[in-house]
């Protein structure tokens, strides 16, 4: 006859903790991908402007990439 051990939890909490960590990390990865996509879209929008339009905003074409990076990640 098998005895029932009621002191041990039904779930292995190491597995539960690992799954929570995995879920958190997947969320972070997806968040990073979304942030990178927003920055890429911003860069494309700014880079498509004419030099005259950039100058109206006080931006040099050479500074577009740095400005986008600082705005999104700095």
N, C-alpha and C. Protein backbone atom coordinates (compact mmCIF):
# COMPACT_ATOMS: atom_id res chain seq x y z
N UNK A 1 0.83 -1.16 0.00
CA UNK A 1 0.00 0.00 0.00
C UNK A 1 0.89 1.24 0.00
N UNK A 2 0.50 2.26 -0.77
CA UNK A 2 1.26 3.50 -0.88
C UNK A 2 0.70 4.51 0.11
N UNK A 3 1.62 5.21 0.76
CA UNK A 3 1.18 6.25 1.68
C UNK A 3 1.11 7.59 0.95
N UNK A 4 0.22 8.41 1.38
CA UNK A 4 0.05 9.74 0.81
C UNK A 4 0.83 10.73 1.65
N UNK A 5 1.77 11.41 1.04
CA UNK A 5 2.59 12.37 1.75
C UNK A 5 1.96 13.76 1.60
N UNK A 6 1.30 14.24 2.62
CA UNK A 6 0.61 15.53 2.55
C UNK A 6 1.50 16.71 2.92
N UNK A 7 2.72 16.44 3.32
CA UNK A 7 3.61 17.54 3.68
C UNK A 7 4.33 18.10 2.47
N UNK A 8 4.39 17.35 1.39
CA UNK A 8 5.05 17.83 0.18
C UNK A 8 4.01 18.49 -0.72
N UNK A 9 4.28 19.69 -1.23
CA UNK A 9 3.29 20.36 -2.08
C UNK A 9 3.04 19.59 -3.37
N UNK A 10 1.87 19.76 -3.90
CA UNK A 10 1.50 19.08 -5.14
C UNK A 10 2.38 19.58 -6.29
N UNK A 11 2.61 20.89 -6.34
CA UNK A 11 3.45 21.47 -7.38
C UNK A 11 4.89 21.53 -6.91
N UNK A 12 5.78 21.33 -7.84
CA UNK A 12 7.18 21.54 -7.54
C UNK A 12 7.43 23.04 -7.68
N UNK A 13 7.65 23.74 -6.58
CA UNK A 13 7.76 25.19 -6.63
C UNK A 13 8.99 25.66 -7.40
N UNK A 14 9.97 24.81 -7.57
CA UNK A 14 11.10 25.16 -8.42
C UNK A 14 10.65 25.32 -9.86
N UNK A 15 9.76 24.44 -10.29
CA UNK A 15 9.22 24.52 -11.64
C UNK A 15 8.35 25.77 -11.80
N UNK A 16 7.52 26.04 -10.82
CA UNK A 16 6.66 27.24 -10.86
C UNK A 16 7.52 28.49 -10.94
N UNK A 17 8.56 28.55 -10.13
CA UNK A 17 9.46 29.71 -10.13
C UNK A 17 10.15 29.84 -11.49
N UNK A 18 10.57 28.72 -12.05
CA UNK A 18 11.24 28.74 -13.36
C UNK A 18 10.29 29.23 -14.45
N UNK A 19 9.03 28.79 -14.39
CA UNK A 19 8.06 29.23 -15.39
C UNK A 19 7.74 30.72 -15.25
N UNK A 20 7.67 31.20 -14.02
CA UNK A 20 7.45 32.64 -13.82
C UNK A 20 8.61 33.45 -14.38
N UNK A 21 9.82 32.99 -14.10
CA UNK A 21 11.02 33.67 -14.60
C UNK A 21 11.03 33.66 -16.13
N UNK A 22 10.69 32.53 -16.71
CA UNK A 22 10.64 32.42 -18.17
C UNK A 22 9.62 33.40 -18.73
N UNK A 23 8.44 33.46 -18.13
CA UNK A 23 7.41 34.38 -18.58
C UNK A 23 7.85 35.83 -18.49
N UNK A 24 8.51 36.18 -17.37
CA UNK A 24 9.03 37.55 -17.20
C UNK A 24 10.06 37.87 -18.28
N UNK A 25 10.96 36.91 -18.53
CA UNK A 25 12.01 37.16 -19.52
C UNK A 25 11.44 37.28 -20.93
N UNK A 26 10.45 36.47 -21.24
CA UNK A 26 9.80 36.59 -22.56
C UNK A 26 9.14 37.97 -22.68
N UNK A 27 8.50 38.42 -21.61
CA UNK A 27 7.90 39.76 -21.61
C UNK A 27 8.93 40.84 -21.84
N UNK A 28 10.08 40.70 -21.20
CA UNK A 28 11.15 41.69 -21.39
C UNK A 28 11.67 41.69 -22.82
N UNK A 29 11.83 40.50 -23.37
CA UNK A 29 12.30 40.39 -24.76
C UNK A 29 11.31 41.06 -25.70
N UNK A 30 10.02 40.75 -25.53
CA UNK A 30 9.01 41.36 -26.39
C UNK A 30 8.96 42.87 -26.21
N UNK A 31 9.15 43.34 -24.99
CA UNK A 31 9.20 44.78 -24.75
C UNK A 31 10.39 45.43 -25.44
N UNK A 32 11.52 44.75 -25.42
CA UNK A 32 12.72 45.27 -26.09
C UNK A 32 12.54 45.31 -27.60
N UNK A 33 11.91 44.28 -28.14
CA UNK A 33 11.65 44.26 -29.58
C UNK A 33 10.73 45.42 -29.96
N UNK A 34 9.70 45.64 -29.15
CA UNK A 34 8.76 46.74 -29.44
C UNK A 34 9.47 48.09 -29.35
N UNK A 35 10.33 48.27 -28.35
CA UNK A 35 11.07 49.53 -28.22
C UNK A 35 12.00 49.74 -29.42
N UNK A 36 12.65 48.70 -29.86
CA UNK A 36 13.52 48.80 -31.04
C UNK A 36 12.74 49.13 -32.29
N UNK A 37 11.54 48.56 -32.41
CA UNK A 37 10.70 48.85 -33.57
C UNK A 37 10.23 50.29 -33.56
N UNK A 38 9.86 50.80 -32.37
CA UNK A 38 9.46 52.21 -32.28
C UNK A 38 10.62 53.12 -32.67
N UNK A 39 11.82 52.81 -32.21
CA UNK A 39 13.00 53.62 -32.55
C UNK A 39 13.27 53.55 -34.05
N UNK A 40 13.15 52.37 -34.64
CA UNK A 40 13.38 52.23 -36.08
C UNK A 40 12.36 53.03 -36.88
N UNK A 41 11.11 53.00 -36.44
CA UNK A 41 10.07 53.78 -37.12
C UNK A 41 10.34 55.27 -37.00
N UNK A 42 10.76 55.70 -35.83
CA UNK A 42 11.09 57.10 -35.61
C UNK A 42 12.26 57.52 -36.51
N UNK A 43 13.28 56.66 -36.59
CA UNK A 43 14.42 56.96 -37.45
C UNK A 43 13.98 57.07 -38.91
N UNK A 44 13.16 56.13 -39.37
CA UNK A 44 12.69 56.16 -40.77
C UNK A 44 11.93 57.46 -41.05
N UNK A 45 11.08 57.84 -40.10
CA UNK A 45 10.29 59.07 -40.27
C UNK A 45 11.21 60.30 -40.33
N UNK A 46 12.17 60.37 -39.42
CA UNK A 46 13.08 61.52 -39.41
C UNK A 46 14.00 61.52 -40.63
N UNK A 47 14.48 60.37 -41.03
CA UNK A 47 15.41 60.26 -42.15
C UNK A 47 14.73 60.59 -43.47
N UNK A 48 13.42 60.42 -43.53
CA UNK A 48 12.68 60.72 -44.76
C UNK A 48 12.47 62.21 -44.96
N UNK A 49 12.69 63.00 -43.93
CA UNK A 49 12.53 64.46 -44.05
C UNK A 49 13.62 65.04 -44.92
N UNK A 50 13.31 66.14 -45.54
CA UNK A 50 14.32 66.83 -46.34
C UNK A 50 15.29 67.54 -45.39
N UNK A 51 16.45 67.89 -45.94
CA UNK A 51 17.43 68.63 -45.13
C UNK A 51 16.85 69.96 -44.66
N UNK A 52 16.04 70.59 -45.52
CA UNK A 52 15.42 71.87 -45.15
C UNK A 52 14.46 71.69 -43.98
N UNK A 53 13.67 70.60 -44.01
CA UNK A 53 12.71 70.35 -42.92
C UNK A 53 13.45 70.03 -41.62
N UNK A 54 14.53 69.29 -41.71
CA UNK A 54 15.33 69.00 -40.52
C UNK A 54 15.93 70.29 -39.96
N UNK A 55 16.41 71.14 -40.87
CA UNK A 55 17.01 72.41 -40.43
C UNK A 55 16.00 73.29 -39.72
N UNK A 56 14.73 73.25 -40.16
CA UNK A 56 13.68 74.02 -39.48
C UNK A 56 13.55 73.60 -38.02
N UNK A 57 13.79 72.31 -37.75
CA UNK A 57 13.71 71.80 -36.38
C UNK A 57 15.06 71.87 -35.66
N UNK A 58 16.07 72.44 -36.35
CA UNK A 58 17.38 72.58 -35.73
C UNK A 58 18.15 71.27 -35.66
N UNK A 59 17.91 70.38 -36.61
CA UNK A 59 18.56 69.06 -36.63
C UNK A 59 19.38 68.93 -37.90
N UNK A 60 20.59 68.45 -37.73
CA UNK A 60 21.42 68.13 -38.91
C UNK A 60 21.20 66.66 -39.24
N UNK A 61 21.24 66.33 -40.53
CA UNK A 61 21.03 64.94 -40.93
C UNK A 61 22.01 64.00 -40.23
N UNK A 62 23.23 64.44 -40.01
CA UNK A 62 24.23 63.61 -39.35
C UNK A 62 23.86 63.30 -37.89
N UNK A 63 22.95 64.09 -37.31
CA UNK A 63 22.57 63.90 -35.92
C UNK A 63 21.27 63.12 -35.74
N UNK A 64 20.64 62.72 -36.82
CA UNK A 64 19.34 62.04 -36.72
C UNK A 64 19.47 60.73 -35.93
N UNK A 65 20.41 59.88 -36.29
CA UNK A 65 20.55 58.58 -35.63
C UNK A 65 20.84 58.75 -34.14
N UNK A 66 21.77 59.66 -33.81
CA UNK A 66 22.11 59.88 -32.40
C UNK A 66 20.90 60.41 -31.63
N UNK A 67 20.17 61.35 -32.24
CA UNK A 67 19.00 61.91 -31.59
C UNK A 67 17.91 60.87 -31.32
N UNK A 68 17.69 60.02 -32.30
CA UNK A 68 16.68 58.97 -32.13
C UNK A 68 17.12 58.01 -31.03
N UNK A 69 18.39 57.61 -31.05
CA UNK A 69 18.89 56.70 -30.04
C UNK A 69 18.75 57.29 -28.64
N UNK A 70 19.15 58.55 -28.48
CA UNK A 70 19.06 59.19 -27.17
C UNK A 70 17.61 59.34 -26.72
N UNK A 71 16.73 59.64 -27.63
CA UNK A 71 15.31 59.82 -27.29
C UNK A 71 14.69 58.50 -26.80
N UNK A 72 15.09 57.41 -27.42
CA UNK A 72 14.47 56.12 -27.08
C UNK A 72 15.23 55.32 -26.03
N UNK A 73 16.54 55.47 -25.97
CA UNK A 73 17.33 54.59 -25.09
C UNK A 73 18.22 55.33 -24.11
N UNK A 74 18.28 56.65 -24.24
CA UNK A 74 19.21 57.38 -23.39
C UNK A 74 18.54 58.09 -22.32
